[in-house]
C-alpha atoms as a PDB file:
ATOM      1  CA  GLY A   1    -176.161  10.951 -37.852  1.00  0.00           C
ATOM      2  CA  THR A   2    -179.400   9.840 -36.247  1.00  0.00           C
ATOM      3  CA  PHE A   3    -180.806   8.924 -32.864  1.00  0.00           C
ATOM      4  CA  GLU A   4    -181.570   5.466 -34.216  1.00  0.00           C
ATOM      5  CA  GLY A   5    -177.924   4.963 -35.186  1.00  0.00           C
ATOM      6  CA  TRP A   6    -176.714   5.952 -31.703  1.00  0.00           C
ATOM      7  CA  TRP A   7    -179.432   3.890 -30.021  1.00  0.00           C
ATOM      8  CA  GLN A   8    -178.543   0.756 -31.985  1.00  0.00           C
ATOM      9  CA  MET A   9    -174.895   1.165 -30.977  1.00  0.00           C
ATOM     10  CA  TYR A  10    -176.061   1.520 -27.358  1.00  0.00           C
ATOM     11  CA  LEU A  11    -178.140  -1.663 -27.548  1.00  0.00           C
ATOM     12  CA  ASP A  12    -175.359  -3.662 -29.202  1.00  0.00           C
ATOM     13  CA  GLU A  13    -172.290  -2.431 -27.309  1.00  0.00           C
ATOM     14  CA  VAL A  14    -173.323  -0.644 -24.093  1.00  0.00           C
ATOM     15  CA  LYS A  15    -176.470  -2.161 -22.627  1.00  0.00           C
ATOM     16  CA  GLY A  16    -175.639  -4.705 -19.932  1.00  0.00           C
ATOM     17  CA  ASN A  17    -172.192  -3.212 -19.253  1.00  0.00           C
ATOM     18  CA  LEU A  18    -172.754  -1.216 -16.057  1.00  0.00           C
ATOM     19  CA  LEU A  19    -169.630   0.919 -16.365  1.00  0.00           C
ATOM     20  CA  LEU A  20    -170.417   1.989 -19.936  1.00  0.00           C
ATOM     21  CA  GLU A  21    -174.011   2.675 -18.929  1.00  0.00           C
ATOM     22  CA  LEU A  22    -172.657   4.806 -16.082  1.00  0.00           C
ATOM     23  CA  ALA A  23    -170.558   6.805 -18.539  1.00  0.00           C
ATOM     24  CA  VAL A  24    -173.748   7.730 -20.416  1.00  0.00           C
ATOM     25  CA  ILE A  25    -175.579   8.466 -17.160  1.00  0.00           C
ATOM     26  CA  PHE A  26    -172.730  10.732 -16.052  1.00  0.00           C
ATOM     27  CA  GLY A  27    -173.147  12.690 -19.271  1.00  0.00           C
ATOM     28  CA  VAL A  28    -176.886  13.065 -18.660  1.00  0.00           C
ATOM     29  CA  SER A  29    -176.247  14.132 -15.048  1.00  0.00           C
ATOM     30  CA  SER A  30    -174.446  17.249 -16.266  1.00  0.00           C
ATOM     31  CA  LEU A  31    -177.701  18.754 -17.554  1.00  0.00           C
ATOM     32  CA  VAL A  32    -179.729  17.323 -14.672  1.00  0.00           C
ATOM     33  CA  THR A  33    -177.338  18.989 -12.221  1.00  0.00           C
ATOM     34  CA  ALA A  34    -177.719  22.330 -14.005  1.00  0.00           C
ATOM     35  CA  PHE A  35    -181.510  21.917 -13.856  1.00  0.00           C
ATOM     36  CA  LEU A  36    -181.527  21.048 -10.144  1.00  0.00           C
ATOM     37  CA  LYS A  37    -179.239  23.977  -9.376  1.00  0.00           C
ATOM     38  CA  THR A  38    -181.655  26.421 -11.027  1.00  0.00           C
ATOM     39  CA  LYS A  39    -184.380  24.917  -8.823  1.00  0.00           C
ATOM     40  CA  HIS A  40    -182.136  25.409  -5.734  1.00  0.00           C
ATOM     41  CA  GLU A  41    -182.157  21.674  -5.016  1.00  0.00           C
ATOM     42  CA  VAL A  42    -178.346  21.354  -5.204  1.00  0.00           C
ATOM     43  CA  GLU A  43    -175.596  23.859  -4.499  1.00  0.00           C
ATOM     44  CA  PHE A  44    -172.934  22.468  -6.836  1.00  0.00           C
ATOM     45  CA  ALA A  45    -172.525  23.404 -10.496  1.00  0.00           C
ATOM     46  CA  GLY A  46    -171.153  20.096 -11.728  1.00  0.00           C
ATOM     47  CA  THR A  47    -169.139  17.002 -10.884  1.00  0.00           C
ATOM     48  CA  ILE A  48    -165.689  15.915 -12.027  1.00  0.00           C
ATOM     49  CA  PHE A  49    -165.744  12.292 -13.181  1.00  0.00           C
ATOM     50  CA  SER A  50    -162.231  10.870 -13.333  1.00  0.00           C
ATOM     51  CA  PHE A  51    -161.728   7.759 -15.478  1.00  0.00           C
ATOM     52  CA  MET A  52    -158.364   6.316 -14.449  1.00  0.00           C
ATOM     53  CA  GLY A  53    -156.418   3.402 -15.924  1.00  0.00           C
ATOM     54  CA  ASN A  54    -153.948   2.341 -18.577  1.00  0.00           C
ATOM     55  CA  SER A  55    -154.564   2.566 -22.322  1.00  0.00           C
ATOM     56  CA  SER A  56    -156.301  -0.819 -22.518  1.00  0.00           C
ATOM     57  CA  THR A  57    -159.102  -0.074 -20.051  1.00  0.00           C
ATOM     58  CA  GLY A  58    -161.303   1.871 -22.459  1.00  0.00           C
ATOM     59  CA  LYS A  59    -161.391   5.061 -20.396  1.00  0.00           C
ATOM     60  CA  SER A  60    -161.173   7.416 -23.392  1.00  0.00           C
ATOM     61  CA  THR A  61    -163.813   5.381 -25.254  1.00  0.00           C
ATOM     62  CA  ALA A  62    -166.140   5.595 -22.241  1.00  0.00           C
ATOM     63  CA  ALA A  63    -165.493   9.329 -21.936  1.00  0.00           C
ATOM     64  CA  ALA A  64    -166.333   9.881 -25.614  1.00  0.00           C
ATOM     65  CA  LEU A  65    -169.471   7.771 -25.175  1.00  0.00           C
ATOM     66  CA  GLY A  66    -170.526   9.924 -22.223  1.00  0.00           C
ATOM     67  CA  VAL A  67    -170.411  13.195 -24.179  1.00  0.00           C
ATOM     68  CA  SER A  68    -171.737  11.755 -27.452  1.00  0.00           C
ATOM     69  CA  ILE A  69    -175.247  12.263 -26.109  1.00  0.00           C
ATOM     70  CA  ALA A  70    -174.706  16.026 -26.356  1.00  0.00           C
ATOM     71  CA  GLY A  71    -172.323  16.624 -29.267  1.00  0.00           C
ATOM     72  CA  ASN A  72    -169.261  15.633 -31.271  1.00  0.00           C
ATOM     73  CA  PRO A  73    -167.112  13.230 -29.191  1.00  0.00           C
ATOM     74  CA  SER A  74    -164.139  13.212 -31.574  1.00  0.00           C
ATOM     75  CA  LYS A  75    -160.989  14.945 -30.367  1.00  0.00           C
ATOM     76  CA  GLY A  76    -160.650  18.460 -31.770  1.00  0.00           C
ATOM     77  CA  ASP A  77    -160.743  22.169 -31.003  1.00  0.00           C
ATOM     78  CA  GLN A  78    -164.462  22.552 -31.793  1.00  0.00           C
ATOM     79  CA  THR A  79    -165.786  19.390 -30.148  1.00  0.00           C
ATOM     80  CA  LEU A  80    -166.683  18.112 -26.678  1.00  0.00           C
ATOM     81  CA  PHE A  81    -163.483  16.060 -26.494  1.00  0.00           C
ATOM     82  CA  ARG A  82    -160.560  18.273 -25.470  1.00  0.00           C
ATOM     83  CA  GLY A  83    -157.196  17.698 -23.809  1.00  0.00           C
ATOM     84  CA  TRP A  84    -155.531  18.734 -20.575  1.00  0.00           C
ATOM     85  CA  ASN A  85    -152.588  20.040 -22.601  1.00  0.00           C
ATOM     86  CA  GLY A  86    -153.236  23.769 -22.297  1.00  0.00           C
ATOM     87  CA  THR A  87    -153.065  26.697 -19.928  1.00  0.00           C
ATOM     88  CA  ARG A  88    -155.488  26.997 -17.054  1.00  0.00           C
ATOM     89  CA  ASN A  89    -157.088  30.021 -18.694  1.00  0.00           C
ATOM     90  CA  ALA A  90    -157.586  28.089 -21.939  1.00  0.00           C
ATOM     91  CA  ILE A  91    -159.211  25.151 -20.145  1.00  0.00           C
ATOM     92  CA  GLU A  92    -161.553  27.492 -18.288  1.00  0.00           C
ATOM     93  CA  GLY A  93    -162.285  29.095 -21.655  1.00  0.00           C
ATOM     94  CA  TYR A  94    -163.404  25.730 -23.047  1.00  0.00           C
ATOM     95  CA  LEU A  95    -166.183  25.714 -20.472  1.00  0.00           C
ATOM     96  CA  SER A  96    -167.092  29.402 -20.459  1.00  0.00           C
ATOM     97  CA  ASN A  97    -170.878  29.940 -20.677  1.00  0.00           C
ATOM     98  CA  ASN A  98    -171.420  26.194 -20.844  1.00  0.00           C
ATOM     99  CA  PHE A  99    -174.315  25.216 -18.577  1.00  0.00           C
ATOM    100  CA  GLY A 100    -175.248  21.562 -18.636  1.00  0.00           C
ATOM    101  CA  VAL A 101    -173.228  20.190 -21.552  1.00  0.00           C
ATOM    102  CA  PRO A 102    -170.556  17.663 -20.444  1.00  0.00           C
ATOM    103  CA  ILE A 103    -167.015  17.931 -21.773  1.00  0.00           C
ATOM    104  CA  VAL A 104    -164.017  15.573 -21.805  1.00  0.00           C
ATOM    105  CA  LEU A 105    -160.508  16.607 -20.775  1.00  0.00           C
ATOM    106  CA  ASP A 106    -158.276  13.792 -21.988  1.00  0.00           C
ATOM    107  CA  GLU A 107    -154.950  12.625 -20.479  1.00  0.00           C
ATOM    108  CA  LEU A 108    -154.313  14.564 -17.297  1.00  0.00           C
ATOM    109  CA  SER A 109    -150.624  13.626 -17.513  1.00  0.00           C
ATOM    110  CA  ALA A 110    -150.350  16.024 -20.484  1.00  0.00           C
ATOM    111  CA  ALA A 111    -151.249  19.045 -18.314  1.00  0.00           C
ATOM    112  CA  THR A 112    -148.602  21.762 -18.561  1.00  0.00           C
ATOM    113  CA  PHE A 113    -149.124  23.004 -14.993  1.00  0.00           C
ATOM    114  CA  LYS A 114    -148.038  21.102 -11.900  1.00  0.00           C
ATOM    115  CA  ASP A 115    -150.707  21.950  -9.347  1.00  0.00           C
ATOM    116  CA  THR A 116    -154.221  21.023 -10.445  1.00  0.00           C
ATOM    117  CA  ASN A 117    -155.728  21.867  -7.061  1.00  0.00           C
ATOM    118  CA  GLY A 118    -157.121  25.311  -7.891  1.00  0.00           C
ATOM    119  CA  LEU A 119    -158.319  24.323 -11.352  1.00  0.00           C
ATOM    120  CA  LEU A 120    -160.228  21.307 -10.049  1.00  0.00           C
ATOM    121  CA  TYR A 121    -162.045  23.552  -7.584  1.00  0.00           C
ATOM    122  CA  SER A 122    -162.847  26.022 -10.364  1.00  0.00           C
ATOM    123  CA  LEU A 123    -164.200  23.295 -12.646  1.00  0.00           C
ATOM    124  CA  ALA A 124    -166.456  21.926  -9.924  1.00  0.00           C
ATOM    125  CA  GLU A 125    -167.600  25.330  -8.653  1.00  0.00           C
ATOM    126  CA  GLY A 126    -168.357  26.779 -12.084  1.00  0.00           C
ATOM    127  CA  GLN A 127    -166.224  29.896 -11.888  1.00  0.00           C
ATOM    128  CA  GLY A 128    -162.769  30.581 -13.253  1.00  0.00           C
ATOM    129  CA  ARG A 129    -159.941  32.260 -11.419  1.00  0.00           C
ATOM    130  CA  LEU A 130    -160.136  36.020 -10.906  1.00  0.00           C
ATOM    131  CA  ARG A 131    -157.656  37.928 -13.058  1.00  0.00           C
ATOM    132  CA  ALA A 132    -156.715  41.565 -13.462  1.00  0.00           C
ATOM    133  CA  ASN A 133    -156.339  43.523 -16.689  1.00  0.00           C
ATOM    134  CA  ARG A 134    -153.483  45.876 -17.532  1.00  0.00           C
ATOM    135  CA  GLU A 135    -155.077  48.699 -15.554  1.00  0.00           C
ATOM    136  CA  GLY A 136    -155.330  46.506 -12.468  1.00  0.00           C
ATOM    137  CA  ASN A 137    -159.093  46.114 -12.647  1.00  0.00           C
ATOM    138  CA  VAL A 138    -160.645  42.693 -12.163  1.00  0.00           C
ATOM    139  CA  LYS A 139    -161.736  40.978 -15.358  1.00  0.00           C
ATOM    140  CA  ASN A 140    -165.057  39.216 -15.493  1.00  0.00           C
ATOM    141  CA  PRO A 141    -164.226  35.566 -14.692  1.00  0.00           C
ATOM    142  CA  HIS A 142    -165.365  32.643 -16.800  1.00  0.00           C
ATOM    143  CA  HIS A 143    -168.684  31.216 -15.612  1.00  0.00           C
ATOM    144  CA  PHE A 144    -169.970  27.738 -16.374  1.00  0.00           C
ATOM    145  CA  GLY A 145    -171.964  24.918 -14.853  1.00  0.00           C
ATOM    146  CA  SER A 146    -171.253  21.552 -16.402  1.00  0.00           C
ATOM    147  CA  SER A 147    -169.641  18.254 -15.534  1.00  0.00           C
ATOM    148  CA  VAL A 148    -166.158  17.310 -16.710  1.00  0.00           C
ATOM    149  CA  ILE A 149    -165.021  13.781 -17.562  1.00  0.00           C
ATOM    150  CA  SER A 150    -161.277  13.569 -17.061  1.00  0.00           C
ATOM    151  CA  THR A 151    -159.103  10.670 -18.210  1.00  0.00           C
ATOM    152  CA  ALA A 152    -155.670   9.792 -16.864  1.00  0.00           C
ATOM    153  CA  GLU A 153    -153.330   6.909 -16.211  1.00  0.00           C
ATOM    154  CA  HIS A 154    -152.943   8.075 -12.614  1.00  0.00           C
ATOM    155  CA  THR A 155    -155.293   9.401  -9.952  1.00  0.00           C
ATOM    156  CA  ILE A 156    -156.627  12.892 -10.414  1.00  0.00           C
ATOM    157  CA  PHE A 157    -155.363  13.650  -6.898  1.00  0.00           C
ATOM    158  CA  LYS A 158    -151.734  12.835  -7.734  1.00  0.00           C
ATOM    159  CA  ASP A 159    -150.564  16.432  -8.115  1.00  0.00           C
ATOM    160  CA  ALA A 160    -153.281  18.001  -6.022  1.00  0.00           C
ATOM    161  CA  SER A 161    -154.000  18.034  -2.326  1.00  0.00           C
ATOM    162  CA  ALA A 162    -156.227  15.012  -1.795  1.00  0.00           C
ATOM    163  CA  ASN A 163    -158.291  16.893   0.754  1.00  0.00           C
ATOM    164  CA  ASP A 164    -161.897  16.594   1.757  1.00  0.00           C
ATOM    165  CA  GLY A 165    -163.060  19.436  -0.480  1.00  0.00           C
ATOM    166  CA  LEU A 166    -161.853  17.764  -3.658  1.00  0.00           C
ATOM    167  CA  ARG A 167    -163.159  14.354  -2.624  1.00  0.00           C
ATOM    168  CA  ALA A 168    -166.615  15.921  -2.302  1.00  0.00           C
ATOM    169  CA  ARG A 169    -166.427  17.191  -5.882  1.00  0.00           C
ATOM    170  CA  CYS A 170    -164.854  14.261  -7.741  1.00  0.00           C
ATOM    171  CA  ILE A 171    -165.915  10.701  -8.490  1.00  0.00           C
ATOM    172  CA  GLU A 172    -163.014   8.552  -9.674  1.00  0.00           C
ATOM    173  CA  ILE A 173    -163.404   5.174 -11.380  1.00  0.00           C
ATOM    174  CA  SER A 174    -160.440   2.902 -12.016  1.00  0.00           C
ATOM    175  CA  ASP A 175    -162.234  -0.167 -13.414  1.00  0.00           C
ATOM    176  CA  VAL A 176    -162.090  -1.566 -16.963  1.00  0.00           C
ATOM    177  CA  PHE A 177    -164.837  -0.068 -19.125  1.00  0.00           C
ATOM    178  CA  THR A 178    -164.777  -1.901 -22.443  1.00  0.00           C
ATOM    179  CA  THR A 179    -164.900  -5.684 -22.814  1.00  0.00           C
ATOM    180  CA  SER A 180    -162.627  -5.972 -25.860  1.00  0.00           C
ATOM    181  CA  ALA A 181    -160.901  -4.045 -28.626  1.00  0.00           C
ATOM    182  CA  ASP A 182    -163.859  -4.810 -30.910  1.00  0.00           C
ATOM    183  CA  ASN A 183    -166.243  -3.409 -28.315  1.00  0.00           C
ATOM    184  CA  ALA A 184    -164.202  -0.193 -28.079  1.00  0.00           C
ATOM    185  CA  ASP A 185    -163.929   0.167 -31.862  1.00  0.00           C
ATOM    186  CA  ALA A 186    -167.675  -0.305 -32.351  1.00  0.00           C
ATOM    187  CA  ILE A 187    -168.449   2.362 -29.751  1.00  0.00           C
ATOM    188  CA  LYS A 188    -165.984   4.816 -31.312  1.00  0.00           C
ATOM    189  CA  LYS A 189    -167.415   4.218 -34.766  1.00  0.00           C
ATOM    190  CA  GLY A 190    -171.008   4.478 -33.596  1.00  0.00           C
ATOM    191  CA  THR A 191    -170.505   7.682 -31.586  1.00  0.00           C
ATOM    192  CA  SER A 192    -168.397   9.408 -34.255  1.00  0.00           C
ATOM    193  CA  LYS A 193    -171.191   8.884 -36.797  1.00  0.00           C
ATOM    194  CA  ASN A 194    -174.155   9.549 -34.496  1.00  0.00           C
ATOM    195  CA  TYR A 195    -174.061  12.122 -31.731  1.00  0.00           C
ATOM    196  CA  GLY A 196    -176.003  14.948 -30.092  1.00  0.00           C
ATOM    197  CA  HIS A 197    -179.445  13.319 -30.201  1.00  0.00           C
ATOM    198  CA  VAL A 198    -180.049  12.261 -26.583  1.00  0.00           C
ATOM    199  CA  MET A 199    -179.432  15.455 -24.611  1.00  0.00           C
ATOM    200  CA  PRO A 200    -182.206  17.419 -26.398  1.00  0.00           C
ATOM    201  CA  LEU A 201    -184.607  14.669 -25.332  1.00  0.00           C
ATOM    202  CA  VAL A 202    -183.357  14.975 -21.750  1.00  0.00           C
ATOM    203  CA  ALA A 203    -183.827  18.753 -21.869  1.00  0.00           C
ATOM    204  CA  GLU A 204    -187.374  18.322 -23.158  1.00  0.00           C
ATOM    205  CA  TYR A 205    -188.133  15.853 -20.372  1.00  0.00           C
ATOM    206  CA  LEU A 206    -186.793  18.252 -17.731  1.00  0.00           C
ATOM    207  CA  LEU A 207    -188.898  21.115 -19.081  1.00  0.00           C
ATOM    208  CA  ASN A 208    -192.104  19.069 -19.305  1.00  0.00           C
ATOM    209  CA  ARG A 209    -191.766  16.951 -16.138  1.00  0.00           C
ATOM    210  CA  GLU A 210    -190.171  19.331 -13.612  1.00  0.00           C
ATOM    211  CA  SER A 211    -192.144  18.255 -10.546  1.00  0.00           C
ATOM    212  CA  GLU A 212    -191.664  14.566 -11.311  1.00  0.00           C
ATOM    213  CA  VAL A 213    -187.890  14.949 -11.630  1.00  0.00           C
ATOM    214  CA  ILE A 214    -187.649  16.885  -8.372  1.00  0.00           C
ATOM    215  CA  LYS A 215    -189.712  14.226  -6.577  1.00  0.00           C
ATOM    216  CA  TRP A 216    -187.386  11.542  -7.949  1.00  0.00           C
ATOM    217  CA  PHE A 217    -184.377  13.481  -6.745  1.00  0.00           C
ATOM    218  CA  HIS A 218    -185.792  13.812  -3.216  1.00  0.00           C
ATOM    219  CA  ARG A 219    -186.653  10.110  -3.171  1.00  0.00           C
ATOM    220  CA  GLU A 220    -183.164   9.128  -4.313  1.00  0.00           C
ATOM    221  CA  HIS A 221    -181.542  11.482  -1.824  1.00  0.00           C
ATOM    222  CA  ASP A 222    -183.579   9.948   1.009  1.00  0.00           C
ATOM    223  CA  TRP A 223    -182.590   6.469  -0.192  1.00  0.00           C
ATOM    224  CA  PHE A 224    -178.882   7.221   0.035  1.00  0.00           C
ATOM    225  CA  LYS A 225    -179.300   8.912   3.424  1.00  0.00           C
ATOM    226  CA  THR A 226    -181.029   5.777   4.710  1.00  0.00           C
ATOM    227  CA  GLN A 227    -178.629   3.329   3.068  1.00  0.00           C
ATOM    228  CA  LEU A 228    -175.549   5.188   4.342  1.00  0.00           C
ATOM    229  CA  ASN A 229    -177.018   6.328   7.663  1.00  0.00           C
ATOM    230  CA  SER A 230    -173.856   5.355   9.544  1.00  0.00           C
ATOM    231  CA  GLU A 231    -171.884   7.990   7.642  1.00  0.00           C
ATOM    232  CA  THR A 232    -170.777  10.798   9.988  1.00  0.00           C
ATOM    233  CA  ASN A 233    -168.122  12.382   7.811  1.00  0.00           C
ATOM    234  CA  ASN A 234    -169.306  15.693   6.326  1.00  0.00           C
ATOM    235  CA  VAL A 235    -167.621  14.892   3.015  1.00  0.00           C
ATOM    236  CA  GLY A 236    -169.520  11.641   2.745  1.00  0.00           C
ATOM    237  CA  ILE A 237    -172.825  13.288   3.619  1.00  0.00           C
ATOM    238  CA  ARG A 238    -172.251  15.972   0.969  1.00  0.00           C
ATOM    239  CA  MET A 239    -171.846  13.257  -1.662  1.00  0.00           C
ATOM    240  CA  PHE A 240    -175.402  11.973  -1.168  1.00  0.00           C
ATOM    241  CA  LYS A 241    -176.881  14.683  -3.404  1.00  0.00           C
ATOM    242  CA  ARG A 242    -174.379  13.909  -6.152  1.00  0.00           C
ATOM    243  CA  TYR A 243    -175.342  10.232  -6.008  1.00  0.00           C
ATOM    244  CA  ALA A 244    -179.035  11.173  -6.063  1.00  0.00           C
ATOM    245  CA  THR A 245    -178.448  13.351  -9.122  1.00  0.00           C
ATOM    246  CA  ILE A 246    -176.813  10.407 -10.897  1.00  0.00           C
ATOM    247  CA  THR A 247    -179.596   7.936 -10.114  1.00  0.00           C
ATOM    248  CA  THR A 248    -182.225  10.526 -11.056  1.00  0.00           C
ATOM    249  CA  SER A 249    -180.382  10.907 -14.369  1.00  0.00           C
ATOM    250  CA  ALA A 250    -180.554   7.141 -14.839  1.00  0.00           C
ATOM    251  CA  ARG A 251    -184.340   7.271 -14.387  1.00  0.00           C
ATOM    252  CA  ILE A 252    -184.636  10.013 -17.012  1.00  0.00           C
ATOM    253  CA  LEU A 253    -182.290   8.286 -19.471  1.00  0.00           C
ATOM    254  CA  GLU A 254    -184.192   5.015 -19.490  1.00  0.00           C
ATOM    255  CA  ARG A 255    -187.368   6.903 -20.348  1.00  0.00           C
ATOM    256  CA  VAL A 256    -186.010   9.110 -23.130  1.00  0.00           C
ATOM    257  CA  ILE A 257    -184.281   6.195 -24.892  1.00  0.00           C
ATOM    258  CA  ALA A 258    -187.041   3.703 -23.999  1.00  0.00           C
ATOM    259  CA  THR A 259    -184.476   1.206 -22.711  1.00  0.00           C
ATOM    260  CA  PRO A 260    -184.458  -0.225 -19.158  1.00  0.00           C
ATOM    261  CA  ILE A 261    -181.522   0.597 -16.892  1.00  0.00           C
ATOM    262  CA  ASP A 262    -180.786  -1.467 -13.786  1.00  0.00           C
ATOM    263  CA  LEU A 263    -181.269   1.244 -11.167  1.00  0.00           C
ATOM    264  CA  VAL A 264    -180.519  -1.213  -8.365  1.00  0.00           C
ATOM    265  CA  ALA A 265    -177.102  -1.957  -9.887  1.00  0.00           C
ATOM    266  CA  VAL A 266    -176.369   1.767 -10.285  1.00  0.00           C
ATOM    267  CA  ARG A 267    -177.289   2.414  -6.650  1.00  0.00           C
ATOM    268  CA  GLU A 268    -175.218  -0.521  -5.423  1.00  0.00           C
ATOM    269  CA  TYR A 269    -172.201   0.634  -7.416  1.00  0.00           C
ATOM    270  CA  LEU A 270    -172.394   4.132  -5.916  1.00  0.00           C
ATOM    271  CA  VAL A 271    -172.789   2.760  -2.392  1.00  0.00           C
ATOM    272  CA  SER A 272    -169.795   0.480  -2.922  1.00  0.00           C
ATOM    273  CA  TYR A 273    -167.807   3.411  -4.325  1.00  0.00           C
ATOM    274  CA  HIS A 274    -168.718   5.473  -1.279  1.00  0.00           C
ATOM    275  CA  VAL A 275    -167.627   2.817   1.203  1.00  0.00           C
ATOM    276  CA  ASP A 276    -164.376   2.129  -0.640  1.00  0.00           C
ATOM    277  CA  SER A 277    -163.356   5.676  -1.530  1.00  0.00           C
ATOM    278  CA  VAL A 278    -165.193   8.373   0.388  1.00  0.00           C
ATOM    279  CA  SER A 279    -166.200   7.271   3.861  1.00  0.00           C
ATOM    280  CA  GLU A 280    -164.195   8.280   6.884  1.00  0.00           C
ATOM    281  CA  ARG A 281    -163.488   4.652   7.697  1.00  0.00           C
ATOM    282  CA  SER A 282    -162.088   4.111   4.237  1.00  0.00           C
ATOM    283  CA  LEU A 283    -159.773   7.114   4.466  1.00  0.00           C
ATOM    284  CA  ALA A 284    -158.411   5.866   7.782  1.00  0.00           C
ATOM    285  CA  ALA A 285    -157.834   2.401   6.349  1.00  0.00           C
ATOM    286  CA  LYS A 286    -156.110   3.864   3.295  1.00  0.00           C
ATOM    287  CA  ALA A 287    -153.832   5.945   5.533  1.00  0.00           C
ATOM    288  CA  ILE A 288    -152.856   2.852   7.527  1.00  0.00           C
ATOM    289  CA  ASP A 289    -152.250   0.943   4.303  1.00  0.00           C
ATOM    290  CA  SER A 290    -150.013   3.774   3.111  1.00  0.00           C
ATOM    291  CA  VAL A 291    -147.970   3.548   6.314  1.00  0.00           C
ATOM    292  CA  VAL A 292    -147.588  -0.222   5.953  1.00  0.00           C
ATOM    293  CA  GLN A 293    -146.461   0.069   2.335  1.00  0.00           C
ATOM    294  CA  PHE A 294    -144.015   2.849   3.188  1.00  0.00           C
ATOM    295  CA  VAL A 295    -142.446   0.839   6.019  1.00  0.00           C
ATOM    296  CA  ALA A 296    -142.171  -2.278   3.820  1.00  0.00           C
ATOM    297  CA  ARG A 297    -140.546  -0.322   1.004  1.00  0.00           C
ATOM    298  CA  ASN A 298    -138.070   1.396   3.318  1.00  0.00           C
ATOM    299  CA  ARG A 299    -137.439  -1.540   5.665  1.00  0.00           C
ATOM    300  CA  SER A 300    -133.662  -1.028   5.665  1.00  0.00           C
ATOM    301  CA  LYS A 301    -134.065   2.489   7.056  1.00  0.00           C
ATOM    302  CA  PHE A 302    -135.917   1.353  10.194  1.00  0.00           C
ATOM    303  CA  ALA A 303    -134.077   0.255  13.313  1.00  0.00           C
ATOM    304  CA  GLU A 304    -135.140  -2.972  15.005  1.00  0.00           C
ATOM    305  CA  SER A 305    -135.518  -3.424  18.767  1.00  0.00           C
ATOM    306  CA  LYS A 306    -133.330  -0.433  19.503  1.00  0.00           C
ATOM    307  CA  LYS A 307    -132.116   2.633  17.725  1.00  0.00           C
ATOM    308  CA  LEU A 308    -128.889   2.005  15.802  1.00  0.00           C
ATOM    309  CA  SER A 309    -126.436   4.900  15.937  1.00  0.00           C
ATOM    310  CA  ILE A 310    -124.581   3.683  12.837  1.00  0.00           C
ATOM    311  CA  MET A 311    -127.617   4.237  10.593  1.00  0.00           C
ATOM    312  CA  THR A 312    -127.227   7.325   8.403  1.00  0.00           C
ATOM    313  CA  GLU A 313    -131.012   7.549   8.039  1.00  0.00           C
ATOM    314  CA  ASN A 314    -133.383   6.339  10.718  1.00  0.00           C
ATOM    315  CA  TYR A 315    -137.051   6.562   9.800  1.00  0.00           C
ATOM    316  CA  GLY A 316    -138.349   4.924  12.950  1.00  0.00           C
ATOM    317  CA  LEU A 317    -138.166   1.982  15.327  1.00  0.00           C
ATOM    318  CA  ILE A 318    -139.726  -1.451  14.763  1.00  0.00           C
ATOM    319  CA  GLU A 319    -140.353  -3.748  17.725  1.00  0.00           C
ATOM    320  CA  LEU A 320    -141.797  -7.248  17.957  1.00  0.00           C
ATOM    321  CA  LYS A 321    -144.184  -7.471  20.885  1.00  0.00           C
ATOM    322  CA  ASP A 322    -146.668 -10.260  21.610  1.00  0.00           C
ATOM    323  CA  ASP A 323    -146.360 -11.564  18.033  1.00  0.00           C
ATOM    324  CA  HIS A 324    -147.255  -8.116  16.680  1.00  0.00           C
ATOM    325  CA  ILE A 325    -144.995  -5.681  14.889  1.00  0.00           C
ATOM    326  CA  GLN A 326    -145.101  -2.189  16.335  1.00  0.00           C
ATOM    327  CA  VAL A 327    -143.719   0.872  14.588  1.00  0.00           C
ATOM    328  CA  LYS A 328    -142.511   3.548  17.011  1.00  0.00           C
ATOM    329  CA  MET A 329    -141.750   7.197  16.306  1.00  0.00           C
ATOM    330  CA  LEU A 330    -144.743   7.494  13.951  1.00  0.00           C
ATOM    331  CA  LYS A 331    -144.450  11.274  13.876  1.00  0.00           C
ATOM    332  CA  ASP A 332    -141.076  10.906  12.149  1.00  0.00           C
ATOM    333  CA  VAL A 333    -142.506   8.258   9.814  1.00  0.00           C
ATOM    334  CA  PHE A 334    -145.283  10.619   8.732  1.00  0.00           C
ATOM    335  CA  LYS A 335    -142.751  13.369   8.160  1.00  0.00           C
ATOM    336  CA  HIS A 336    -140.744  11.200   5.772  1.00  0.00           C
ATOM    337  CA  MET A 337    -143.902  10.039   4.011  1.00  0.00           C
ATOM    338  CA  LEU A 338    -145.065  13.590   3.430  1.00  0.00           C
ATOM    339  CA  GLU A 339    -141.625  14.519   2.123  1.00  0.00           C
ATOM    340  CA  GLU A 340    -142.246  11.976  -0.656  1.00  0.00           C
ATOM    341  CA  ASN A 341    -145.373  13.962  -1.538  1.00  0.00           C
ATOM    342  CA  GLN A 342    -147.222  10.753  -2.365  1.00  0.00           C
ATOM    343  CA  TYR A 343    -149.378  10.137   0.676  1.00  0.00           C
ATOM    344  CA  GLN A 344    -151.386  13.288   1.176  1.00  0.00           C
ATOM    345  CA  ASP A 345    -154.160  11.305   2.873  1.00  0.00           C
ATOM    346  CA  VAL A 346    -151.890  10.894   5.905  1.00  0.00           C
ATOM    347  CA  LYS A 347    -152.054  14.639   6.512  1.00  0.00           C
END
């Protein structure tokens, strides 16, 4: 295909839709991250972008759009659109020696392994798991440095420990990407016919305008530090450079495709994402919400006013005091919640 064909699809179907524009920016940020890492401006090799939602939200379409800037976005074994259905070694092999080119891993629910914790760390850190050969010597691990766009109908943290380390490496979006079935079809058609033309332009820009890009990155990083100056959580502070990389990528993209991008809207979206999903205050609120939902769902297993000896299971004690409901024995409540393995944030 041609750049013009991709660009026309972008103008007709993507421009003005912030989430679809973000998908393209995320793709660009993979190479920008690799560039900044070689300049020792960032310490991370890539970011995991998780697009979460049901089949009608356009997550797979947005993921394909994001990687179409670099190569073939159609699903296959020689393209940039792969699946989670494979061994950990095979998935690491997909990315081996890939520095800066984004890749899609589609449908996390199809993964054949239960615990994604270690793999997610490997993907974000750019190094595969150490393995031994038949003689007991350590094999050379897979090395890579690119961003991964993952799609799933559930959160990427579902089968992994939703700890601070992973939250500092992943950005998860659960909004609706496409506006209609026609919008999704037009994007799929346009990207399947025209792909791989934008990333070379980004690479050329990075090579020719190194100092400018680094200045932009520092300016964006300072902006997020100022805007989120109340953040005291180390995880939140570590995210500032990832946000700055994304907004720097937006600046580069609008120049190489000669099409304005609303940088203010991109910044505001990332700030909103941070407050809702990353900040320490948000995690505390989510933990409290988890407790409330757990108590409501298991209301019959809580004693009221006093402990009832006839209850076969007693998860805790609920008391009404000064028009407020109090839940006693919270330690036991947390224990039962963690046994469900659904509320890792409470840990």
